[in-house]
Amino acid sequence: NELEKEPKWKVISKEILRESAVELKLNPNKIKTIFEKKKRRVFDEIVQTFISGDYHLEKKMIKTVTNVIHRFGAEGYKIIIGRAANCICSDIKYSLHIRIDAPLEWRIERVEKTKKISKEEAQNWILQTERDRESFRKSVKGQKVESDDYDLTINQATFSDDDVVKIIINVLKLKNII
């Protein structure tokens, strides 16, 4: 927004849950459950299909969230944080899909400091978050997300936050997005 005459760019995160909840007439906390890894076995999934409306509701929630994310992406000038947006918005011509990563030890230290938790708790939180994200991305894409699903991957441990922003802005310019 600092480069533009008027602020047009908006970070999208909780808006996805809110809009999906409105469309589905559900509490946003119910929709949030689709982003958490399910620990079901195949047999359990088959049984769920026949005895529970939750299975169908989960599929409907994923479809609605996917549509909401794509709609935001298609509007343009949106920064969509996570939520498998790289897969969902892969057909949008003027888009940039970035993965910001870092070695596990670096992430553990950062989470320890920001959340004020122990090293073990930080590691458990990171690993659970990764499992949840991978599970959701797989449910959207139908297969594991690969590195070529991103236009750019940045190792956050080797760049300052300001450097990461500069890299992204330069790539946005190269792709004629800004």
C-alpha atoms as a PDB file:
ATOM      1  CA  ASN A   1       0.000   0.000   0.000  1.00  0.00           C
ATOM      2  CA  GLU A   2       2.927   2.364   0.546  1.00  0.00           C
ATOM      3  CA  LEU A   3       3.704   2.144  -3.186  1.00  0.00           C
ATOM      4  CA  GLU A   4       0.141   2.962  -4.231  1.00  0.00           C
ATOM      5  CA  LYS A   5      -1.607   6.323  -4.184  1.00  0.00           C
ATOM      6  CA  GLU A   6      -4.514   4.755  -2.367  1.00  0.00           C
ATOM      7  CA  PRO A   7      -4.468   1.687  -0.139  1.00  0.00           C
ATOM      8  CA  LYS A   8      -5.974  -1.198  -2.114  1.00  0.00           C
ATOM      9  CA  TRP A   9      -4.256  -4.264  -0.673  1.00  0.00           C
ATOM     10  CA  LYS A  10      -5.984  -6.099   2.142  1.00  0.00           C
ATOM     11  CA  VAL A  11      -4.797  -9.054   4.227  1.00  0.00           C
ATOM     12  CA  ILE A  12      -7.433 -11.791   4.281  1.00  0.00           C
ATOM     13  CA  SER A  13      -7.588 -14.399   7.019  1.00  0.00           C
ATOM     14  CA  LYS A  14     -10.514 -14.378   9.458  1.00  0.00           C
ATOM     15  CA  GLU A  15     -12.741 -12.929   6.725  1.00  0.00           C
ATOM     16  CA  ILE A  16     -12.667 -16.378   5.095  1.00  0.00           C
ATOM     17  CA  LEU A  17     -14.233 -17.982   8.163  1.00  0.00           C
ATOM     18  CA  ARG A  18     -16.756 -15.163   8.589  1.00  0.00           C
ATOM     19  CA  GLU A  19     -17.970 -15.200   4.966  1.00  0.00           C
ATOM     20  CA  SER A  20     -18.113 -18.994   4.873  1.00  0.00           C
ATOM     21  CA  ALA A  21     -20.068 -19.019   8.145  1.00  0.00           C
ATOM     22  CA  VAL A  22     -22.594 -16.539   6.758  1.00  0.00           C
ATOM     23  CA  GLU A  23     -23.081 -18.608   3.576  1.00  0.00           C
ATOM     24  CA  LEU A  24     -23.472 -21.845   5.537  1.00  0.00           C
ATOM     25  CA  LYS A  25     -25.408 -20.276   8.433  1.00  0.00           C
ATOM     26  CA  LEU A  26     -22.923 -21.788  10.893  1.00  0.00           C
ATOM     27  CA  ASN A  27     -20.734 -20.547  13.706  1.00  0.00           C
ATOM     28  CA  PRO A  28     -17.214 -19.689  12.415  1.00  0.00           C
ATOM     29  CA  ASN A  29     -15.769 -22.009  15.097  1.00  0.00           C
ATOM     30  CA  LYS A  30     -17.553 -24.954  13.457  1.00  0.00           C
ATOM     31  CA  ILE A  31     -15.951 -24.091  10.109  1.00  0.00           C
ATOM     32  CA  LYS A  32     -12.549 -23.746  11.744  1.00  0.00           C
ATOM     33  CA  THR A  33     -12.641 -27.505  12.436  1.00  0.00           C
ATOM     34  CA  ILE A  34     -11.998 -28.310   8.757  1.00  0.00           C
ATOM     35  CA  PHE A  35      -8.526 -26.809   9.132  1.00  0.00           C
ATOM     36  CA  GLU A  36      -7.660 -29.312  11.878  1.00  0.00           C
ATOM     37  CA  LYS A  37      -6.212 -32.708  11.023  1.00  0.00           C
ATOM     38  CA  LYS A  38      -8.666 -35.521  11.343  1.00  0.00           C
ATOM     39  CA  LYS A  39      -7.407 -38.726  12.924  1.00  0.00           C
ATOM     40  CA  ARG A  40      -9.838 -41.052  11.216  1.00  0.00           C
ATOM     41  CA  ARG A  41      -9.140 -44.413   9.716  1.00  0.00           C
ATOM     42  CA  VAL A  42     -10.580 -45.404   6.330  1.00  0.00           C
ATOM     43  CA  PHE A  43     -13.203 -47.644   7.956  1.00  0.00           C
ATOM     44  CA  ASP A  44     -14.322 -44.760  10.171  1.00  0.00           C
ATOM     45  CA  GLU A  45     -14.699 -42.553   7.072  1.00  0.00           C
ATOM     46  CA  ILE A  46     -16.885 -45.166   5.359  1.00  0.00           C
ATOM     47  CA  VAL A  47     -19.084 -45.541   8.449  1.00  0.00           C
ATOM     48  CA  GLN A  48     -19.338 -41.754   8.768  1.00  0.00           C
ATOM     49  CA  THR A  49     -20.540 -41.526   5.183  1.00  0.00           C
ATOM     50  CA  PHE A  50     -23.569 -43.665   5.988  1.00  0.00           C
ATOM     51  CA  ILE A  51     -24.477 -42.656   9.513  1.00  0.00           C
ATOM     52  CA  SER A  52     -23.615 -39.012   9.871  1.00  0.00           C
ATOM     53  CA  GLY A  53     -24.531 -35.740   8.289  1.00  0.00           C
ATOM     54  CA  ASP A  54     -21.219 -34.388   9.629  1.00  0.00           C
ATOM     55  CA  TYR A  55     -19.316 -36.042   6.782  1.00  0.00           C
ATOM     56  CA  HIS A  56     -21.463 -34.265   4.197  1.00  0.00           C
ATOM     57  CA  LEU A  57     -21.350 -31.048   6.182  1.00  0.00           C
ATOM     58  CA  GLU A  58     -17.547 -31.215   6.267  1.00  0.00           C
ATOM     59  CA  LYS A  59     -17.426 -31.626   2.476  1.00  0.00           C
ATOM     60  CA  LYS A  60     -19.855 -28.721   2.078  1.00  0.00           C
ATOM     61  CA  MET A  61     -17.759 -26.551   4.412  1.00  0.00           C
ATOM     62  CA  ILE A  62     -14.573 -27.313   2.444  1.00  0.00           C
ATOM     63  CA  LYS A  63     -16.327 -26.470  -0.836  1.00  0.00           C
ATOM     64  CA  THR A  64     -17.731 -23.218   0.579  1.00  0.00           C
ATOM     65  CA  VAL A  65     -14.401 -22.144   2.085  1.00  0.00           C
ATOM     66  CA  THR A  66     -12.675 -22.966  -1.212  1.00  0.00           C
ATOM     67  CA  ASN A  67     -15.203 -20.843  -3.134  1.00  0.00           C
ATOM     68  CA  VAL A  68     -14.835 -17.938  -0.688  1.00  0.00           C
ATOM     69  CA  ILE A  69     -11.026 -18.036  -0.946  1.00  0.00           C
ATOM     70  CA  HIS A  70     -11.175 -18.138  -4.750  1.00  0.00           C
ATOM     71  CA  ARG A  71     -13.652 -15.247  -4.801  1.00  0.00           C
ATOM     72  CA  PHE A  72     -11.311 -13.133  -2.647  1.00  0.00           C
ATOM     73  CA  GLY A  73      -8.360 -14.054  -4.871  1.00  0.00           C
ATOM     74  CA  ALA A  74     -10.255 -13.244  -8.066  1.00  0.00           C
ATOM     75  CA  GLU A  75     -11.220  -9.810  -6.694  1.00  0.00           C
ATOM     76  CA  GLY A  76      -7.527  -8.938  -6.669  1.00  0.00           C
ATOM     77  CA  TYR A  77      -5.428  -6.875  -4.272  1.00  0.00           C
ATOM     78  CA  LYS A  78      -5.747  -9.526  -1.575  1.00  0.00           C
ATOM     79  CA  ILE A  79      -3.044 -11.135   0.530  1.00  0.00           C
ATOM     80  CA  ILE A  80      -4.473 -14.480   1.566  1.00  0.00           C
ATOM     81  CA  ILE A  81      -2.550 -16.036   4.422  1.00  0.00           C
ATOM     82  CA  GLY A  82      -2.439 -19.830   4.237  1.00  0.00           C
ATOM     83  CA  ARG A  83      -5.660 -21.791   3.843  1.00  0.00           C
ATOM     84  CA  ALA A  84      -4.311 -23.604   0.727  1.00  0.00           C
ATOM     85  CA  ALA A  85      -4.815 -20.430  -1.307  1.00  0.00           C
ATOM     86  CA  ASN A  86      -1.872 -21.406  -3.518  1.00  0.00           C
ATOM     87  CA  CYS A  87      -3.863 -24.427  -4.740  1.00  0.00           C
ATOM     88  CA  ILE A  88      -7.275 -22.771  -4.762  1.00  0.00           C
ATOM     89  CA  CYS A  89      -6.141 -19.658  -6.654  1.00  0.00           C
ATOM     90  CA  SER A  90      -3.628 -21.324  -8.966  1.00  0.00           C
ATOM     91  CA  ASP A  91      -5.743 -20.427 -12.025  1.00  0.00           C
ATOM     92  CA  ILE A  92      -5.660 -16.679 -11.319  1.00  0.00           C
ATOM     93  CA  LYS A  93      -3.237 -15.108 -13.799  1.00  0.00           C
ATOM     94  CA  TYR A  94      -2.016 -12.168 -11.740  1.00  0.00           C
ATOM     95  CA  SER A  95      -1.261 -13.961  -8.515  1.00  0.00           C
ATOM     96  CA  LEU A  96       1.852 -14.824  -6.571  1.00  0.00           C
ATOM     97  CA  HIS A  97       2.046 -17.924  -4.391  1.00  0.00           C
ATOM     98  CA  ILE A  98       4.697 -17.732  -1.698  1.00  0.00           C
ATOM     99  CA  ARG A  99       5.839 -20.202   0.903  1.00  0.00           C
ATOM    100  CA  ILE A 100       7.732 -18.683   3.810  1.00  0.00           C
ATOM    101  CA  ASP A 101       9.602 -21.374   5.670  1.00  0.00           C
ATOM    102  CA  ALA A 102      12.555 -21.809   8.028  1.00  0.00           C
ATOM    103  CA  PRO A 103      14.459 -24.626   9.711  1.00  0.00           C
ATOM    104  CA  LEU A 104      12.587 -26.278  12.580  1.00  0.00           C
ATOM    105  CA  GLU A 105      15.012 -25.076  15.287  1.00  0.00           C
ATOM    106  CA  TRP A 106      14.643 -21.460  14.137  1.00  0.00           C
ATOM    107  CA  ARG A 107      10.839 -21.763  14.197  1.00  0.00           C
ATOM    108  CA  ILE A 108      10.895 -23.385  17.651  1.00  0.00           C
ATOM    109  CA  GLU A 109      12.919 -20.481  19.071  1.00  0.00           C
ATOM    110  CA  ARG A 110      10.593 -17.944  17.472  1.00  0.00           C
ATOM    111  CA  VAL A 111       7.429 -19.665  18.753  1.00  0.00           C
ATOM    112  CA  GLU A 112       8.971 -20.042  22.241  1.00  0.00           C
ATOM    113  CA  LYS A 113       9.513 -16.287  22.389  1.00  0.00           C
ATOM    114  CA  THR A 114       6.258 -15.116  20.803  1.00  0.00           C
ATOM    115  CA  LYS A 115       3.956 -17.543  22.637  1.00  0.00           C
ATOM    116  CA  LYS A 116       6.060 -17.618  25.832  1.00  0.00           C
ATOM    117  CA  ILE A 117       6.014 -21.415  26.008  1.00  0.00           C
ATOM    118  CA  SER A 118       8.614 -24.123  26.555  1.00  0.00           C
ATOM    119  CA  LYS A 119      10.766 -25.525  23.763  1.00  0.00           C
ATOM    120  CA  GLU A 120       8.859 -28.827  23.856  1.00  0.00           C
ATOM    121  CA  GLU A 121       5.474 -27.071  23.718  1.00  0.00           C
ATOM    122  CA  ALA A 122       6.681 -24.929  20.825  1.00  0.00           C
ATOM    123  CA  GLN A 123       7.868 -27.971  18.894  1.00  0.00           C
ATOM    124  CA  ASN A 124       4.583 -29.812  19.514  1.00  0.00           C
ATOM    125  CA  TRP A 125       2.580 -26.751  18.450  1.00  0.00           C
ATOM    126  CA  ILE A 126       4.622 -26.388  15.224  1.00  0.00           C
ATOM    127  CA  LEU A 127       4.366 -30.069  14.323  1.00  0.00           C
ATOM    128  CA  GLN A 128       0.605 -30.168  14.983  1.00  0.00           C
ATOM    129  CA  THR A 129       0.093 -26.973  12.966  1.00  0.00           C
ATOM    130  CA  GLU A 130       2.070 -28.465  10.070  1.00  0.00           C
ATOM    131  CA  ARG A 131      -0.037 -31.652  10.166  1.00  0.00           C
ATOM    132  CA  ASP A 132      -3.253 -29.609  10.204  1.00  0.00           C
ATOM    133  CA  ARG A 133      -2.141 -27.442   7.288  1.00  0.00           C
ATOM    134  CA  GLU A 134      -0.944 -30.397   5.225  1.00  0.00           C
ATOM    135  CA  SER A 135      -4.200 -32.242   5.869  1.00  0.00           C
ATOM    136  CA  PHE A 136      -6.299 -29.283   4.740  1.00  0.00           C
ATOM    137  CA  ARG A 137      -4.137 -28.621   1.663  1.00  0.00           C
ATOM    138  CA  LYS A 138      -4.425 -32.300   0.739  1.00  0.00           C
ATOM    139  CA  SER A 139      -8.213 -32.253   1.182  1.00  0.00           C
ATOM    140  CA  VAL A 140      -8.386 -29.272  -1.184  1.00  0.00           C
ATOM    141  CA  LYS A 141      -5.893 -30.461  -3.788  1.00  0.00           C
ATOM    142  CA  GLY A 142      -6.516 -34.198  -3.486  1.00  0.00           C
ATOM    143  CA  GLN A 143      -2.828 -34.912  -3.153  1.00  0.00           C
ATOM    144  CA  LYS A 144       0.190 -33.650  -1.250  1.00  0.00           C
ATOM    145  CA  VAL A 145       1.237 -30.095  -2.056  1.00  0.00           C
ATOM    146  CA  GLU A 146       4.647 -29.950  -3.721  1.00  0.00           C
ATOM    147  CA  SER A 147       7.260 -27.196  -3.883  1.00  0.00           C
ATOM    148  CA  ASP A 148       6.320 -26.409  -7.495  1.00  0.00           C
ATOM    149  CA  ASP A 149       2.855 -25.370  -6.277  1.00  0.00           C
ATOM    150  CA  TYR A 150       4.551 -22.135  -5.175  1.00  0.00           C
ATOM    151  CA  ASP A 151       6.092 -19.402  -7.309  1.00  0.00           C
ATOM    152  CA  LEU A 152       8.550 -18.497  -4.598  1.00  0.00           C
ATOM    153  CA  THR A 153       9.875 -20.055  -1.397  1.00  0.00           C
ATOM    154  CA  ILE A 154      11.726 -17.884   1.105  1.00  0.00           C
ATOM    155  CA  ASN A 155      13.818 -19.144   4.013  1.00  0.00           C
ATOM    156  CA  GLN A 156      12.843 -16.692   6.730  1.00  0.00           C
ATOM    157  CA  ALA A 157      15.856 -17.649   8.851  1.00  0.00           C
ATOM    158  CA  THR A 158      18.216 -16.064   6.308  1.00  0.00           C
ATOM    159  CA  PHE A 159      16.330 -12.810   5.701  1.00  0.00           C
ATOM    160  CA  SER A 160      14.977 -10.085   7.960  1.00  0.00           C
ATOM    161  CA  ASP A 161      11.264  -9.310   7.816  1.00  0.00           C
ATOM    162  CA  ASP A 162      12.080  -6.139   5.841  1.00  0.00           C
ATOM    163  CA  ASP A 163      14.152  -8.166   3.368  1.00  0.00           C
ATOM    164  CA  VAL A 164      11.276 -10.618   2.896  1.00  0.00           C
ATOM    165  CA  VAL A 165       8.958  -7.695   2.070  1.00  0.00           C
ATOM    166  CA  LYS A 166      11.484  -6.272  -0.422  1.00  0.00           C
ATOM    167  CA  ILE A 167      11.878  -9.663  -2.108  1.00  0.00           C
ATOM    168  CA  ILE A 168       8.118 -10.065  -2.439  1.00  0.00           C
ATOM    169  CA  ILE A 169       7.652  -6.537  -3.812  1.00  0.00           C
ATOM    170  CA  ASN A 170      10.389  -7.120  -6.388  1.00  0.00           C
ATOM    171  CA  VAL A 171       8.808 -10.398  -7.499  1.00  0.00           C
ATOM    172  CA  LEU A 172       5.366  -8.734  -7.696  1.00  0.00           C
ATOM    173  CA  LYS A 173       6.936  -6.131  -9.999  1.00  0.00           C
ATOM    174  CA  LEU A 174       8.589  -8.825 -12.120  1.00  0.00           C
ATOM    175  CA  LYS A 175       5.207 -10.553 -12.546  1.00  0.00           C
ATOM    176  CA  ASN A 176       3.539  -7.204 -13.434  1.00  0.00           C
ATOM    177  CA  ILE A 177       1.165  -7.470 -10.492  1.00  0.00           C
ATOM    178  CA  ILE A 178       2.238  -4.093  -9.130  1.00  0.00           C
END
